[in-house]
Protein backbone atom coordinates (compact mmCIF):
# COMPACT_ATOMS: atom_id res chain seq x y z
CA MET A 1 5.69 -19.06 -8.95
CA LEU A 2 6.54 -18.49 -5.29
CA THR A 3 9.93 -20.07 -5.98
CA ILE A 4 10.55 -17.45 -8.68
CA VAL A 5 9.53 -14.70 -6.27
CA LEU A 6 11.86 -16.07 -3.59
CA LEU A 7 14.78 -16.17 -6.04
CA ASP A 8 13.94 -12.62 -7.10
CA VAL A 9 14.04 -11.42 -3.48
CA ILE A 10 17.39 -13.16 -2.98
CA LEU A 11 18.71 -11.45 -6.13
CA LEU A 12 17.43 -8.07 -4.89
CA VAL A 13 19.07 -8.47 -1.47
CA ALA A 14 22.34 -9.60 -3.07
CA LEU A 15 22.40 -6.54 -5.33
CA LEU A 16 21.65 -4.27 -2.39
CA MET A 17 24.41 -5.83 -0.27
CA LEU A 18 26.88 -5.25 -3.13
CA SER A 19 26.16 -1.50 -2.79
CA ILE A 20 24.87 -1.24 -6.35
CA PRO A 21 22.82 1.97 -6.83
CA LEU A 22 19.21 1.40 -5.77
CA PRO A 23 17.53 2.02 -9.16
CA TYR A 24 19.73 -0.67 -10.74
CA CYS A 25 18.93 -3.09 -7.89
CA PHE A 26 15.18 -2.81 -8.41
CA GLY A 27 15.58 -2.67 -12.18
CA GLY A 28 17.51 -5.94 -12.04
CA ALA A 29 14.82 -7.56 -9.90
CA LEU A 30 12.16 -6.38 -12.36
CA ALA A 31 14.14 -7.75 -15.31
CA PHE A 32 14.39 -11.12 -13.54
CA MET A 33 10.61 -11.22 -13.07
CA ALA A 34 10.07 -10.23 -16.72
CA ILE A 35 12.31 -13.06 -17.94
CA PHE A 36 11.42 -15.84 -15.52
CA GLY A 37 8.18 -14.73 -13.90
CA ASP A 38 6.06 -14.14 -17.00
CA VAL A 39 5.34 -10.54 -15.92
CA SER A 40 4.57 -7.97 -18.62
CA MET A 41 6.88 -5.00 -18.13
CA LYS A 42 4.87 -2.98 -20.66
CA SER A 43 1.75 -3.12 -18.52
CA MET A 44 3.83 -2.54 -15.36
CA MET A 45 5.43 0.59 -16.84
CA LEU A 46 2.06 1.99 -17.90
CA TRP A 47 0.66 1.30 -14.44
CA GLY A 48 3.72 2.81 -12.75
CA PHE A 49 3.54 5.97 -14.87
CA ASN A 50 -0.15 6.44 -14.05
CA GLN A 51 0.68 6.15 -10.36
CA ILE A 52 3.69 8.43 -10.29
CA ILE A 53 1.90 11.40 -11.88
CA SER A 54 -0.30 11.66 -8.80
CA PRO A 55 -0.51 15.25 -7.43
CA VAL A 56 -0.05 13.81 -3.93
CA LEU A 57 3.46 12.63 -4.82
CA LEU A 58 4.40 16.17 -5.87
CA ALA A 59 4.73 17.04 -2.18
CA SER A 60 7.94 14.98 -1.88
CA PRO A 61 10.16 16.98 -4.27
CA LEU A 62 8.73 20.23 -2.93
CA PHE A 63 9.61 19.32 0.66
CA ILE A 64 13.07 18.26 -0.52
CA LEU A 65 13.52 21.70 -2.08
CA ALA A 66 12.30 23.39 1.11
CA GLY A 67 14.73 21.36 3.21
CA THR A 68 17.65 22.20 0.93
CA LEU A 69 16.80 25.90 1.07
CA MET A 70 16.83 25.84 4.86
CA GLY A 71 20.53 25.16 4.87
CA SER A 72 21.18 28.16 2.61
CA THR A 73 18.89 30.73 4.19
CA GLY A 74 20.09 30.79 7.80
CA ILE A 75 16.76 29.41 9.06
CA ALA A 76 18.41 26.44 10.78
CA LYS A 77 20.87 28.68 12.63
CA LYS A 78 18.09 30.94 13.92
CA LEU A 79 16.14 27.91 15.16
CA LEU A 80 19.25 26.72 17.02
CA ASP A 81 19.64 30.13 18.65
CA PHE A 82 15.98 30.09 19.67
CA ALA A 83 16.20 26.67 21.31
CA ASP A 84 19.40 27.78 23.06
CA ILE A 85 17.38 30.41 24.96
CA PHE A 86 15.72 27.72 27.08
CA VAL A 87 18.50 25.16 27.64
CA GLY A 88 21.74 26.95 26.78
CA LYS A 89 22.91 27.34 30.40
CA ILE A 90 22.34 23.70 31.38
CA LYS A 91 25.27 21.29 31.18
CA GLY A 92 24.33 19.23 28.16
CA GLY A 93 21.82 21.86 27.09
CA ILE A 94 23.34 22.27 23.66
CA GLY A 95 22.57 18.58 23.02
CA VAL A 96 18.93 19.18 23.91
CA THR A 97 19.05 22.14 21.53
CA ALA A 98 20.14 19.77 18.75
CA VAL A 99 17.32 17.33 19.43
CA VAL A 100 14.60 19.99 19.62
CA THR A 101 15.87 21.84 16.55
CA CYS A 102 15.86 18.67 14.45
CA ALA A 103 12.25 18.12 15.52
CA VAL A 104 11.30 21.67 14.49
CA ILE A 105 13.14 21.33 11.18
CA GLY A 106 11.22 18.11 10.62
CA ALA A 107 8.03 20.15 10.88
CA ILE A 108 9.26 22.24 7.96
CA SER A 109 11.07 19.91 5.59
CA GLY A 110 9.69 16.41 6.22
CA SER A 111 13.14 14.89 5.62
CA GLY A 112 15.65 13.04 7.76
CA PHE A 113 18.59 14.34 5.76
CA THR A 114 17.65 17.98 6.34
CA GLY A 115 18.22 17.88 10.09
CA VAL A 116 21.80 16.70 9.89
CA ALA A 117 22.58 18.72 6.74
CA ALA A 118 21.16 21.98 8.13
CA THR A 119 22.21 21.75 11.78
CA GLY A 120 25.34 19.59 11.61
CA PRO A 121 27.72 22.17 10.09
CA ILE A 122 26.63 24.70 12.73
CA LEU A 123 26.06 22.61 15.83
CA ILE A 124 28.78 19.93 15.72
CA PRO A 125 31.71 22.42 15.67
CA ARG A 126 29.99 24.40 18.45
CA MET A 127 29.68 21.27 20.62
CA VAL A 128 33.29 20.27 19.95
CA LYS A 129 34.46 23.79 20.86
CA GLN A 130 32.64 23.50 24.19
CA GLY A 131 34.44 20.23 24.99
CA TYR A 132 32.10 17.51 23.71
CA PRO A 133 33.79 14.57 21.94
CA ARG A 134 33.47 14.86 18.16
CA GLY A 135 32.08 11.34 17.83
CA TYR A 136 29.39 11.97 20.45
CA SER A 137 28.42 15.33 18.94
CA THR A 138 28.12 13.82 15.46
CA ALA A 139 26.13 10.82 16.71
CA LEU A 140 23.66 12.98 18.66
CA VAL A 141 22.92 15.31 15.75
CA THR A 142 22.68 12.37 13.35
CA VAL A 143 20.28 10.20 15.35
CA SER A 144 18.16 13.26 16.15
CA SER A 145 17.76 13.99 12.45
CA VAL A 146 15.45 10.97 12.06
CA LEU A 147 12.83 13.11 13.80
CA GLY A 148 12.38 14.74 10.40
CA LEU A 149 10.74 11.49 9.31
CA LEU A 150 8.33 11.45 12.26
CA ILE A 151 7.39 15.05 13.06
CA PRO A 152 4.77 16.11 10.47
CA PRO A 153 4.70 16.82 7.66
CA SER A 154 6.76 13.74 6.81
CA VAL A 155 7.67 12.62 3.29
CA ILE A 156 7.44 8.93 4.14
CA MET A 157 3.95 9.40 5.58
CA ILE A 158 2.92 11.05 2.31
CA ILE A 159 4.28 7.97 0.52
CA TYR A 160 2.48 5.64 2.94
CA GLY A 161 -0.86 7.37 2.50
CA TRP A 162 -0.36 7.31 -1.27
CA VAL A 163 0.48 3.60 -1.64
CA THR A 164 -2.07 2.34 0.92
CA ASP A 165 -4.91 4.78 0.20
CA THR A 166 -4.87 5.97 3.82
CA SER A 167 -5.60 9.51 4.99
CA ILE A 168 -2.30 11.40 4.75
CA LEU A 169 -3.36 13.77 7.53
CA ALA A 170 -4.07 10.81 9.81
CA ALA A 171 -0.70 9.27 8.90
CA PHE A 172 1.00 12.59 9.70
CA LEU A 173 -0.53 12.72 13.17
CA SER A 174 0.15 9.04 13.92
CA THR A 175 3.89 9.67 14.30
CA VAL A 176 3.64 12.80 16.47
CA GLY A 177 3.37 10.81 19.73
CA PRO A 178 6.38 8.56 18.95
CA GLY A 179 8.34 11.60 17.74
CA VAL A 180 7.73 13.60 20.94
CA LEU A 181 8.62 10.55 23.05
CA ILE A 182 11.92 10.21 21.17
CA VAL A 183 12.68 13.90 21.78
CA ILE A 184 12.15 13.38 25.51
CA LEU A 185 14.22 10.18 25.73
CA PHE A 186 17.11 11.53 23.63
CA SER A 187 17.18 14.69 25.74
CA ILE A 188 17.29 12.72 28.99
CA ILE A 189 20.04 10.41 27.73
CA ASN A 190 22.05 13.41 26.57
CA LEU A 191 21.69 15.29 29.87
CA VAL A 192 22.77 12.23 31.87
CA TRP A 193 25.68 11.42 29.55
CA ALA A 194 26.91 15.03 29.42
CA GLN A 195 27.61 14.95 33.17
CA LYS A 196 30.46 12.51 32.43
CA PHE A 197 32.24 14.96 30.13
CA ASP A 198 34.64 16.79 32.42
CA GLY A 199 36.00 19.01 29.67
CA ILE A 200 32.74 20.78 28.82
CA ILE A 201 33.16 24.55 28.80
CA MET A 202 30.02 26.43 29.75
CA GLU A 203 29.30 29.81 28.26
CA GLU A 204 30.35 32.76 30.35
CA GLU A 205 27.62 33.82 32.76
CA LEU A 206 26.33 37.24 31.77
CA PRO A 207 24.51 39.79 33.93
CA LYS A 208 20.80 39.09 34.07
CA LEU A 209 19.74 42.18 32.11
CA GLU A 210 22.33 41.60 29.39
CA ARG A 211 21.38 37.95 29.09
CA ARG A 212 17.71 38.90 28.87
CA LYS A 213 18.48 41.38 26.08
CA ILE A 214 20.44 38.75 24.11
CA ASN A 215 17.62 36.20 24.49
CA ARG A 216 15.06 38.78 23.39
CA ASN A 217 17.09 39.49 20.24
CA LYS A 218 17.40 35.76 19.55
CA PHE A 219 13.66 35.34 19.88
CA ILE A 220 12.85 38.26 17.59
CA THR A 221 15.27 37.14 14.88
CA ALA A 222 13.92 33.57 15.11
CA LEU A 223 10.29 34.62 14.56
CA PRO A 224 10.43 34.42 10.73
CA ALA A 225 11.93 30.92 10.95
CA LEU A 226 9.37 29.87 13.56
CA SER A 227 6.56 31.13 11.34
CA MET A 228 7.26 28.39 8.81
CA PRO A 229 6.06 25.37 10.86
CA VAL A 230 3.15 27.47 12.15
CA ILE A 231 2.04 28.38 8.62
CA ILE A 232 2.56 24.88 7.24
CA LEU A 233 0.97 22.86 10.05
CA GLY A 234 -1.73 25.44 10.73
CA GLY A 235 -2.58 25.53 7.05
CA ILE A 236 -2.76 21.74 6.72
CA TYR A 237 -4.81 21.01 9.84
CA GLY A 238 -6.86 24.16 9.45
CA GLY A 239 -8.00 22.92 6.05
CA ILE A 240 -6.50 25.92 4.24
CA PHE A 241 -4.32 23.84 1.93
CA THR A 242 -3.36 20.24 1.19
CA PRO A 243 -0.01 18.64 2.12
CA THR A 244 1.17 19.17 -1.46
CA GLU A 245 0.25 22.86 -1.29
CA ALA A 246 1.92 23.06 2.12
CA ALA A 247 5.13 21.73 0.59
CA ALA A 248 4.99 24.44 -2.08
CA VAL A 249 4.32 27.12 0.54
CA SER A 250 7.29 25.98 2.65
CA ALA A 251 9.61 26.21 -0.35
CA VAL A 252 8.28 29.59 -1.45
CA VAL A 253 8.30 31.14 2.04
CA ALA A 254 11.92 30.09 2.64
CA ILE A 255 13.16 32.20 -0.29
CA PRO A 256 12.10 35.71 0.85
CA ILE A 257 13.11 34.88 4.42
CA GLY A 258 16.58 33.95 3.22
CA ILE A 259 16.95 36.92 0.86
CA TRP A 260 15.39 39.85 2.70
CA VAL A 261 15.17 38.83 6.37
CA TYR A 262 18.38 36.88 7.07
CA LYS A 263 20.18 38.11 3.94
CA GLU A 264 22.07 34.83 3.51
CA LEU A 265 20.41 33.47 0.35
CA THR A 266 22.33 34.82 -2.64
CA PRO A 267 21.37 34.11 -6.28
CA GLN A 268 24.29 31.67 -6.44
CA LYS A 269 23.15 29.80 -3.32
CA LEU A 270 19.57 29.71 -4.64
CA TYR A 271 20.76 28.23 -7.92
CA GLU A 272 22.88 25.63 -6.13
CA SER A 273 19.98 24.68 -3.83
CA VAL A 274 17.60 24.20 -6.74
CA GLU A 275 20.23 22.22 -8.67
CA GLU A 276 20.95 19.98 -5.68
CA SER A 277 17.23 19.42 -5.10
CA ALA A 278 16.62 18.61 -8.78
CA THR A 279 19.42 16.03 -8.74
CA SER A 280 18.05 14.39 -5.60
CA VAL A 281 14.47 14.42 -6.92
CA GLY A 282 15.51 12.84 -10.22
CA ALA A 283 17.24 9.96 -8.45
CA ILE A 284 14.39 9.52 -5.97
CA MET A 285 11.62 9.53 -8.57
CA THR A 286 13.46 6.98 -10.70
CA MET A 287 13.84 4.78 -7.65
CA ILE A 288 10.18 5.27 -6.69
CA ILE A 289 8.76 4.15 -10.03
CA LEU A 290 10.98 1.05 -10.15
CA THR A 291 10.19 0.16 -6.52
CA LEU A 292 6.50 0.75 -7.15
CA MET A 293 6.52 -1.55 -10.18
CA LEU A 294 8.32 -4.31 -8.27
CA SER A 295 5.94 -4.02 -5.34
CA GLN A 296 2.92 -4.20 -7.66
CA THR A 297 4.44 -7.25 -9.35
CA TYR A 298 4.60 -9.02 -5.99
CA VAL A 299 1.02 -7.99 -5.21
CA LEU A 300 -0.24 -9.36 -8.54
CA LEU A 301 1.54 -12.64 -7.80
CA GLN A 302 -0.30 -12.80 -4.45
CA VAL A 303 2.81 -12.50 -2.32
CA PRO A 304 0.86 -10.77 0.53
CA GLN A 305 -1.45 -13.76 0.76
CA ALA A 306 1.54 -16.09 0.83
CA ILE A 307 3.15 -14.07 3.64
CA ILE A 308 -0.06 -14.23 5.67
CA SER A 309 -0.30 -17.97 5.14
CA ILE A 310 3.32 -18.62 6.11
CA LEU A 311 3.28 -16.46 9.24
CA PHE A 312 -0.06 -17.79 10.47
CA HIS A 313 1.28 -21.28 9.89
CA ILE A 314 4.18 -20.46 12.24
CA THR A 315 2.02 -18.85 14.94
CA GLN A 316 -1.29 -17.09 15.38
CA ASN A 317 -0.16 -15.21 18.48
CA LYS A 318 -0.65 -11.50 17.75
CA VAL A 319 2.23 -10.36 19.98
CA ILE A 320 4.74 -12.73 18.37
CA LEU A 321 3.57 -11.80 14.87
CA LEU A 322 3.97 -8.09 15.64
CA ILE A 323 7.49 -8.71 16.95
CA ILE A 324 8.31 -10.60 13.72
CA ILE A 325 6.91 -7.73 11.65
CA ASN A 326 9.01 -5.20 13.59
CA ILE A 327 12.17 -7.25 13.11
CA PHE A 328 11.41 -7.55 9.40
CA LEU A 329 10.83 -3.80 9.05
CA PHE A 330 14.05 -3.07 10.95
CA LEU A 331 16.00 -5.34 8.59
CA VAL A 332 14.40 -3.66 5.58
CA GLY A 333 15.42 -0.27 6.94
CA MET A 334 18.99 -1.52 7.28
CA ILE A 335 19.37 -2.30 3.57
CA VAL A 336 17.20 0.29 1.76
CA ASN A 337 16.18 3.90 2.40
CA ASP A 338 12.92 4.86 4.07
CA VAL A 339 11.02 5.81 0.88
CA THR A 340 11.99 2.57 -0.88
CA GLY A 341 11.10 0.47 2.14
CA MET A 342 7.74 2.19 2.49
CA ILE A 343 6.74 1.66 -1.15
CA LEU A 344 7.99 -1.92 -1.30
CA VAL A 345 6.75 -3.25 2.03
CA ALA A 346 3.57 -1.33 2.94
CA PRO A 347 1.33 -2.95 0.27
CA LEU A 348 2.72 -6.39 1.15
CA LEU A 349 2.23 -6.23 4.92
CA LEU A 350 -0.95 -4.15 5.18
CA PRO A 351 -3.27 -7.14 4.52
CA LEU A 352 -1.49 -9.08 7.27
CA VAL A 353 -1.68 -6.35 9.94
CA THR A 354 -5.29 -5.64 8.99
CA LYS A 355 -6.09 -9.29 9.63
CA LEU A 356 -4.41 -8.90 13.04
CA GLY A 357 -6.78 -6.04 13.85
CA ILE A 358 -4.20 -3.25 13.39
CA SER A 359 -5.62 -0.14 11.76
CA PRO A 360 -3.78 1.30 8.70
CA VAL A 361 -3.14 4.52 10.66
CA HIS A 362 -1.53 2.63 13.54
CA PHE A 363 0.54 0.64 11.06
CA ALA A 364 1.73 3.93 9.53
CA ALA A 365 3.37 4.80 12.86
CA ILE A 366 4.84 1.30 13.24
CA MET A 367 6.40 1.48 9.78
CA GLY A 368 7.55 5.06 10.30
CA VAL A 369 9.52 4.46 13.50
CA ASN A 370 11.12 1.28 12.16
CA LEU A 371 12.20 2.67 8.80
CA ALA A 372 13.45 5.90 10.40
CA MET A 373 15.68 3.85 12.71
CA GLY A 374 17.06 2.00 9.70
CA GLY A 375 18.40 5.28 8.33
CA VAL A 376 21.04 5.36 11.09
CA THR A 377 21.66 1.61 11.32
CA PRO A 378 24.37 0.02 9.11
CA PRO A 379 24.88 -1.33 6.54
CA TYR A 380 22.67 1.14 4.59
CA ALA A 381 22.58 3.96 7.19
CA SER A 382 22.56 6.76 4.62
CA ILE A 383 21.79 9.43 7.24
CA LEU A 384 24.55 8.09 9.51
CA TYR A 385 27.17 8.27 6.75
CA LEU A 386 26.09 11.79 5.85
CA GLY A 387 26.45 12.79 9.49
CA MET A 388 29.96 11.29 9.59
CA ARG A 389 31.02 13.37 6.58
CA ILE A 390 29.54 16.57 7.98
CA GLY A 391 30.93 16.00 11.48
CA LYS A 392 34.32 14.79 10.17
CA ALA A 393 34.12 11.82 12.53
CA GLU A 394 35.27 8.24 12.10
CA PHE A 395 32.90 5.29 12.30
CA HIS A 396 34.49 3.93 15.49
CA GLU A 397 34.00 7.33 17.16
CA ILE A 398 30.26 7.47 16.60
CA LEU A 399 29.44 3.75 16.93
CA LYS A 400 29.06 3.58 20.74
CA PRO A 401 26.98 6.76 21.24
CA THR A 402 24.82 5.90 18.24
CA MET A 403 24.07 2.43 19.61
CA VAL A 404 23.30 3.84 23.07
CA PHE A 405 20.81 6.36 21.68
CA LEU A 406 19.19 3.66 19.52
CA ILE A 407 19.01 0.94 22.18
CA LEU A 408 17.97 3.14 25.12
CA GLY A 409 16.04 5.84 23.28
CA TYR A 410 14.69 4.44 20.04
CA VAL A 411 14.02 0.73 20.47
CA PRO A 412 11.70 1.32 23.47
CA VAL A 413 9.66 3.74 21.33
CA VAL A 414 9.33 1.09 18.62
CA PHE A 415 7.77 -1.34 21.09
CA VAL A 416 5.61 1.29 22.79
CA THR A 417 4.31 2.42 19.38
CA THR A 418 3.56 -1.17 18.37
CA PHE A 419 1.79 -2.34 21.50
CA TRP A 420 0.20 0.90 22.74
CA SER A 421 -1.99 1.99 19.87
CA ASP A 422 -3.29 5.11 21.64
CA LEU A 423 0.15 6.72 21.34
CA SER A 424 -0.30 6.92 17.56
CA LEU A 425 -4.11 7.03 17.32
CA PHE A 426 -4.91 9.69 19.93
CA LEU A 427 -4.34 12.72 17.69
CA PRO A 428 -6.00 11.26 14.55
CA ARG A 429 -9.06 10.50 16.69
CA LEU A 430 -8.96 13.97 18.26
CA PHE A 431 -9.07 15.55 14.79
CA GLY A 432 -11.83 13.17 13.68
CA LEU A 433 -9.69 11.53 10.99
CA ILE A 434 -10.47 7.95 12.07
C-alpha cells in the first residue's frame, strides 16, 4: 500500500509542476487512490462535507471579504499615511512604512494577498517616483505582504487549529513573535540598502508647525482605519467574540468606514468586492475539501506512522530531524499555496513532531513561517507573481532583492522559530492558553 501512496504523491507533484489548477491536481490524486488504493470516495466525500461545514472554517471567507474591501475603502491608504508620520523623513523610511503597514493590514485581513493588493497600487508608484528602483519597490512590498499570514488573526492559523484540534487563539499568538522579528529585520535591511540608492528624492522639508499640522491630520483621518485591528484583536483576546465572529465584524466595519468616513466605497465597488471575494472563496473551498479528503486518505493508510518510521530510521537526532522537516515544509510551500500545504501536511507531520517533544502550538509557528515563505518562492510563488503584476515589474528585476530579503531576513527567523520555542510560546503562555 505504501507503494501506491508513493506513486500517488509522485502523480500529485507532477500535476502541480505542470501548473494544472490545484483542485484538479488533488482531484486526480484522489481518483488514483480510489482506483488503485481501494479507498471509498463515497465515505471520503461524506467525511469531507461534515468537516467543511464547521463554523470555525467560516472565518476564512469572511476575512477574505474583509481584505478585499480594504482595497476599495481607502483604509490601506490611510494606514500608509499614518505609518509615514513616524518614518517618512528617513532615507528609506517609505520602505519601513510598507513593512509596518503590511503587518497592520495582516491584523485586519489575515491574508498574504491583501497586503500586496491593498498597498502595492499605492506604495510602489510612490517609491518609484521618489527614485527607488521598480524591481526593489515591488520586491519589498511583496515579501512584506507575507506578514498577513503571521500577524493575527491569520487564515492559515485558523486552518491549522481546525485540522489539528489545537487552540486557534494559541496558534494566532504563536506567530506574533516571528512576525515582529521579520518586521524588524526587513526594516533594517531596507534602511541599509536604501543608502545605496543615490537617486532617492526626499520630500521637501516643511516648517515644523506646518509639518506638525499635516501629521495631526494624518493621524486623525487614520483613526477609523486603526480602530479595526483594535476592535478585532481586542474582541478576540478579550473574550468578546470568537475568531469567526471577529472576521464578520472586520467585514461589516469596513463597509461604513468606506462609505461614510473615507467616501471611497461606492455601490459599484462594493458589488465588485463581494463578487471578487465570492469567486476566490468558491475556488478556495473546493480546493480545501479535496485537499482535506486526500490528507485524510493518507492518514487512514497510516502514512504518518510510515513517515515517523522512515525518518527515525535515518536519524534520531532532534536537530537534524527538525532541519529535515523545515526543508520539507519549504519545498511544500514552493509548489502549493499556504492553505493547501497546511491542510495536507499538518495532520501528517504532527505525530512526528509530537514524538520529538514539540508542542502543537510551537509547530503552528514552524509551519506558518515556512509556508508563508513559500508564497514568495518560485515555482508556485502566487503572492510574488501578484506583486509583479501590480508593480509592473519583470521577474529579473525583483529576483535579487527578493532573495536578499528572504535569505537575510526570513530564513534566520525560520531557524530561530524552530530552535527557540519561547519566541512562539511566550504569548500563548502569558494568556494562559497552554
